[in-house]
Amino acid sequence: MLGTIIIGIFLFTLLNYFNILSDKIMSFIKILLPIGVFGFGGFYLSKNSSKRGIIEGLKIGLILIAFMFLVSILGLSSGFEWKSILYYLILLFASIIGGIIAKQGKENTKK
């Protein structure tokens, strides 16, 4: 999942560099791409699991957020901001929603 985010951001940055995408679209994509990837990750993990979707989405979301948090703390010289907490919560919520949707779809197909 993190590879998808990195490759996606790289491709969109490349398009922005050659003035194919505007700065507004690029800032929107930088936020929307990780949210979509986290939602898909929660969906995929929950679909292939026998546990509850909310638990699987929470698990994958917390693992990836912990990794992203460590990278941001160790790799960036800027301090910790409250916007980061809000962003991480949105990513966690997207992962949980993806897990819930996967389980609901799996239960509906069994009926």
C-alpha atoms as a PDB file:
ATOM      1  CA  MET A   1       0.000   0.000   0.000  1.00  0.00           C
ATOM      2  CA  LEU A   2       2.779   2.419   0.809  1.00  0.00           C
ATOM      3  CA  GLY A   3       4.437   1.573  -2.504  1.00  0.00           C
ATOM      4  CA  THR A   4       1.241   2.506  -4.310  1.00  0.00           C
ATOM      5  CA  ILE A   5       1.167   5.851  -2.526  1.00  0.00           C
ATOM      6  CA  ILE A   6       4.813   6.556  -3.349  1.00  0.00           C
ATOM      7  CA  ILE A   7       4.490   5.553  -7.019  1.00  0.00           C
ATOM      8  CA  GLY A   8       1.225   7.494  -7.386  1.00  0.00           C
ATOM      9  CA  ILE A   9       2.631  10.654  -5.845  1.00  0.00           C
ATOM     10  CA  PHE A  10       5.755  10.319  -8.018  1.00  0.00           C
ATOM     11  CA  LEU A  11       3.687  10.022 -11.211  1.00  0.00           C
ATOM     12  CA  PHE A  12       1.437  12.943 -10.310  1.00  0.00           C
ATOM     13  CA  THR A  13       4.453  15.049  -9.337  1.00  0.00           C
ATOM     14  CA  LEU A  14       5.996  14.260 -12.688  1.00  0.00           C
ATOM     15  CA  LEU A  15       2.814  15.395 -14.429  1.00  0.00           C
ATOM     16  CA  ASN A  16       2.846  18.547 -12.306  1.00  0.00           C
ATOM     17  CA  TYR A  17       6.482  19.203 -13.201  1.00  0.00           C
ATOM     18  CA  PHE A  18       5.639  19.263 -16.910  1.00  0.00           C
ATOM     19  CA  ASN A  19       2.656  21.576 -16.215  1.00  0.00           C
ATOM     20  CA  ILE A  20       0.072  18.972 -17.147  1.00  0.00           C
ATOM     21  CA  LEU A  21      -1.563  19.246 -13.714  1.00  0.00           C
ATOM     22  CA  SER A  22      -2.126  22.481 -11.838  1.00  0.00           C
ATOM     23  CA  ASP A  23      -1.009  23.051  -8.265  1.00  0.00           C
ATOM     24  CA  LYS A  24      -4.590  22.922  -6.974  1.00  0.00           C
ATOM     25  CA  ILE A  25      -5.207  19.532  -8.552  1.00  0.00           C
ATOM     26  CA  MET A  26      -1.872  18.268  -7.247  1.00  0.00           C
ATOM     27  CA  SER A  27      -2.632  19.303  -3.671  1.00  0.00           C
ATOM     28  CA  PHE A  28      -6.030  17.600  -3.945  1.00  0.00           C
ATOM     29  CA  ILE A  29      -4.439  14.393  -5.300  1.00  0.00           C
ATOM     30  CA  LYS A  30      -1.805  14.342  -2.532  1.00  0.00           C
ATOM     31  CA  ILE A  31      -4.620  14.119  -0.009  1.00  0.00           C
ATOM     32  CA  LEU A  32      -7.065  11.947  -1.941  1.00  0.00           C
ATOM     33  CA  LEU A  33      -4.603   9.256  -3.097  1.00  0.00           C
ATOM     34  CA  PRO A  34      -3.564   8.066   0.398  1.00  0.00           C
ATOM     35  CA  ILE A  35      -7.180   8.119   1.578  1.00  0.00           C
ATOM     36  CA  GLY A  36      -8.201   5.929  -1.354  1.00  0.00           C
ATOM     37  CA  VAL A  37      -5.265   3.574  -0.860  1.00  0.00           C
ATOM     38  CA  PHE A  38      -6.007   3.188   2.860  1.00  0.00           C
ATOM     39  CA  GLY A  39      -9.667   2.507   2.084  1.00  0.00           C
ATOM     40  CA  PHE A  40      -8.722  -0.106  -0.494  1.00  0.00           C
ATOM     41  CA  GLY A  41      -6.196  -1.663   1.909  1.00  0.00           C
ATOM     42  CA  GLY A  42      -8.845  -2.038   4.604  1.00  0.00           C
ATOM     43  CA  PHE A  43     -11.253  -3.416   2.010  1.00  0.00           C
ATOM     44  CA  TYR A  44      -8.763  -5.979   0.681  1.00  0.00           C
ATOM     45  CA  LEU A  45      -7.606  -7.181   4.087  1.00  0.00           C
ATOM     46  CA  SER A  46     -11.148  -7.504   5.441  1.00  0.00           C
ATOM     47  CA  LYS A  47     -12.428  -9.271   2.355  1.00  0.00           C
ATOM     48  CA  ASN A  48      -9.897 -12.074   2.787  1.00  0.00           C
ATOM     49  CA  SER A  49     -10.348 -12.390   6.558  1.00  0.00           C
ATOM     50  CA  SER A  50     -12.848 -14.164   8.759  1.00  0.00           C
ATOM     51  CA  LYS A  51     -12.723 -11.454  11.447  1.00  0.00           C
ATOM     52  CA  ARG A  52     -14.860  -8.337  11.663  1.00  0.00           C
ATOM     53  CA  GLY A  53     -14.232  -5.653   9.068  1.00  0.00           C
ATOM     54  CA  ILE A  54     -13.861  -2.846  11.569  1.00  0.00           C
ATOM     55  CA  ILE A  55     -11.097  -4.738  13.404  1.00  0.00           C
ATOM     56  CA  GLU A  56      -9.187  -5.558  10.209  1.00  0.00           C
ATOM     57  CA  GLY A  57      -9.485  -1.989   8.931  1.00  0.00           C
ATOM     58  CA  LEU A  58      -8.353  -0.651  12.283  1.00  0.00           C
ATOM     59  CA  LYS A  59      -5.414  -3.044  12.356  1.00  0.00           C
ATOM     60  CA  ILE A  60      -4.042  -2.220   8.906  1.00  0.00           C
ATOM     61  CA  GLY A  61      -4.721   1.479   9.413  1.00  0.00           C
ATOM     62  CA  LEU A  62      -2.855   1.631  12.719  1.00  0.00           C
ATOM     63  CA  ILE A  63       0.124  -0.301  11.349  1.00  0.00           C
ATOM     64  CA  LEU A  64       0.507   2.005   8.360  1.00  0.00           C
ATOM     65  CA  ILE A  65      -0.110   5.156  10.360  1.00  0.00           C
ATOM     66  CA  ALA A  66       2.532   4.108  12.901  1.00  0.00           C
ATOM     67  CA  PHE A  67       4.986   3.614  10.052  1.00  0.00           C
ATOM     68  CA  MET A  68       4.107   6.963   8.471  1.00  0.00           C
ATOM     69  CA  PHE A  69       4.350   8.680  11.862  1.00  0.00           C
ATOM     70  CA  LEU A  70       7.820   7.263  12.492  1.00  0.00           C
ATOM     71  CA  VAL A  71       9.011   8.310   9.054  1.00  0.00           C
ATOM     72  CA  SER A  72       7.663  11.827   9.530  1.00  0.00           C
ATOM     73  CA  ILE A  73       9.219  12.189  12.987  1.00  0.00           C
ATOM     74  CA  LEU A  74      12.603  10.747  12.017  1.00  0.00           C
ATOM     75  CA  GLY A  75      12.852  12.157   8.523  1.00  0.00           C
ATOM     76  CA  LEU A  76      11.480  15.656   8.773  1.00  0.00           C
ATOM     77  CA  SER A  77      12.993  18.520  10.703  1.00  0.00           C
ATOM     78  CA  SER A  78       9.635  20.200  11.257  1.00  0.00           C
ATOM     79  CA  GLY A  79       7.884  19.616  14.542  1.00  0.00           C
ATOM     80  CA  PHE A  80       4.712  17.683  15.139  1.00  0.00           C
ATOM     81  CA  GLU A  81       1.523  19.525  14.188  1.00  0.00           C
ATOM     82  CA  TRP A  82      -2.133  19.006  15.008  1.00  0.00           C
ATOM     83  CA  LYS A  83      -2.936  18.876  11.309  1.00  0.00           C
ATOM     84  CA  SER A  84      -0.960  15.644  11.202  1.00  0.00           C
ATOM     85  CA  ILE A  85      -3.182  14.056  13.844  1.00  0.00           C
ATOM     86  CA  LEU A  86      -6.286  15.030  11.884  1.00  0.00           C
ATOM     87  CA  TYR A  87      -4.771  13.635   8.680  1.00  0.00           C
ATOM     88  CA  TYR A  88      -3.859  10.349  10.379  1.00  0.00           C
ATOM     89  CA  LEU A  89      -7.370  10.063  11.825  1.00  0.00           C
ATOM     90  CA  ILE A  90      -8.878  10.574   8.372  1.00  0.00           C
ATOM     91  CA  LEU A  91      -6.613   7.842   6.988  1.00  0.00           C
ATOM     92  CA  LEU A  92      -7.580   5.517   9.842  1.00  0.00           C
ATOM     93  CA  PHE A  93     -11.271   6.248   9.248  1.00  0.00           C
ATOM     94  CA  ALA A  94     -10.858   5.471   5.524  1.00  0.00           C
ATOM     95  CA  SER A  95      -9.234   2.144   6.366  1.00  0.00           C
ATOM     96  CA  ILE A  96     -12.016   1.238   8.796  1.00  0.00           C
ATOM     97  CA  ILE A  97     -14.726   2.205   6.295  1.00  0.00           C
ATOM     98  CA  GLY A  98     -13.027   0.056   3.643  1.00  0.00           C
ATOM     99  CA  GLY A  99     -13.036  -2.900   6.033  1.00  0.00           C
ATOM    100  CA  ILE A 100     -16.690  -2.418   6.916  1.00  0.00           C
ATOM    101  CA  ILE A 101     -17.724  -2.159   3.262  1.00  0.00           C
ATOM    102  CA  ALA A 102     -15.842  -5.366   2.427  1.00  0.00           C
ATOM    103  CA  LYS A 103     -17.550  -7.322   5.192  1.00  0.00           C
ATOM    104  CA  GLN A 104     -20.989  -5.973   4.306  1.00  0.00           C
ATOM    105  CA  GLY A 105     -20.501  -6.959   0.679  1.00  0.00           C
ATOM    106  CA  LYS A 106     -19.284 -10.417   1.675  1.00  0.00           C
ATOM    107  CA  GLU A 107     -22.280 -10.954   3.998  1.00  0.00           C
ATOM    108  CA  ASN A 108     -24.738  -9.751   1.344  1.00  0.00           C
ATOM    109  CA  THR A 109     -23.379 -12.192  -1.250  1.00  0.00           C
ATOM    110  CA  LYS A 110     -23.792 -15.125   1.184  1.00  0.00           C
ATOM    111  CA  LYS A 111     -27.543 -14.517   1.551  1.00  0.00           C
END
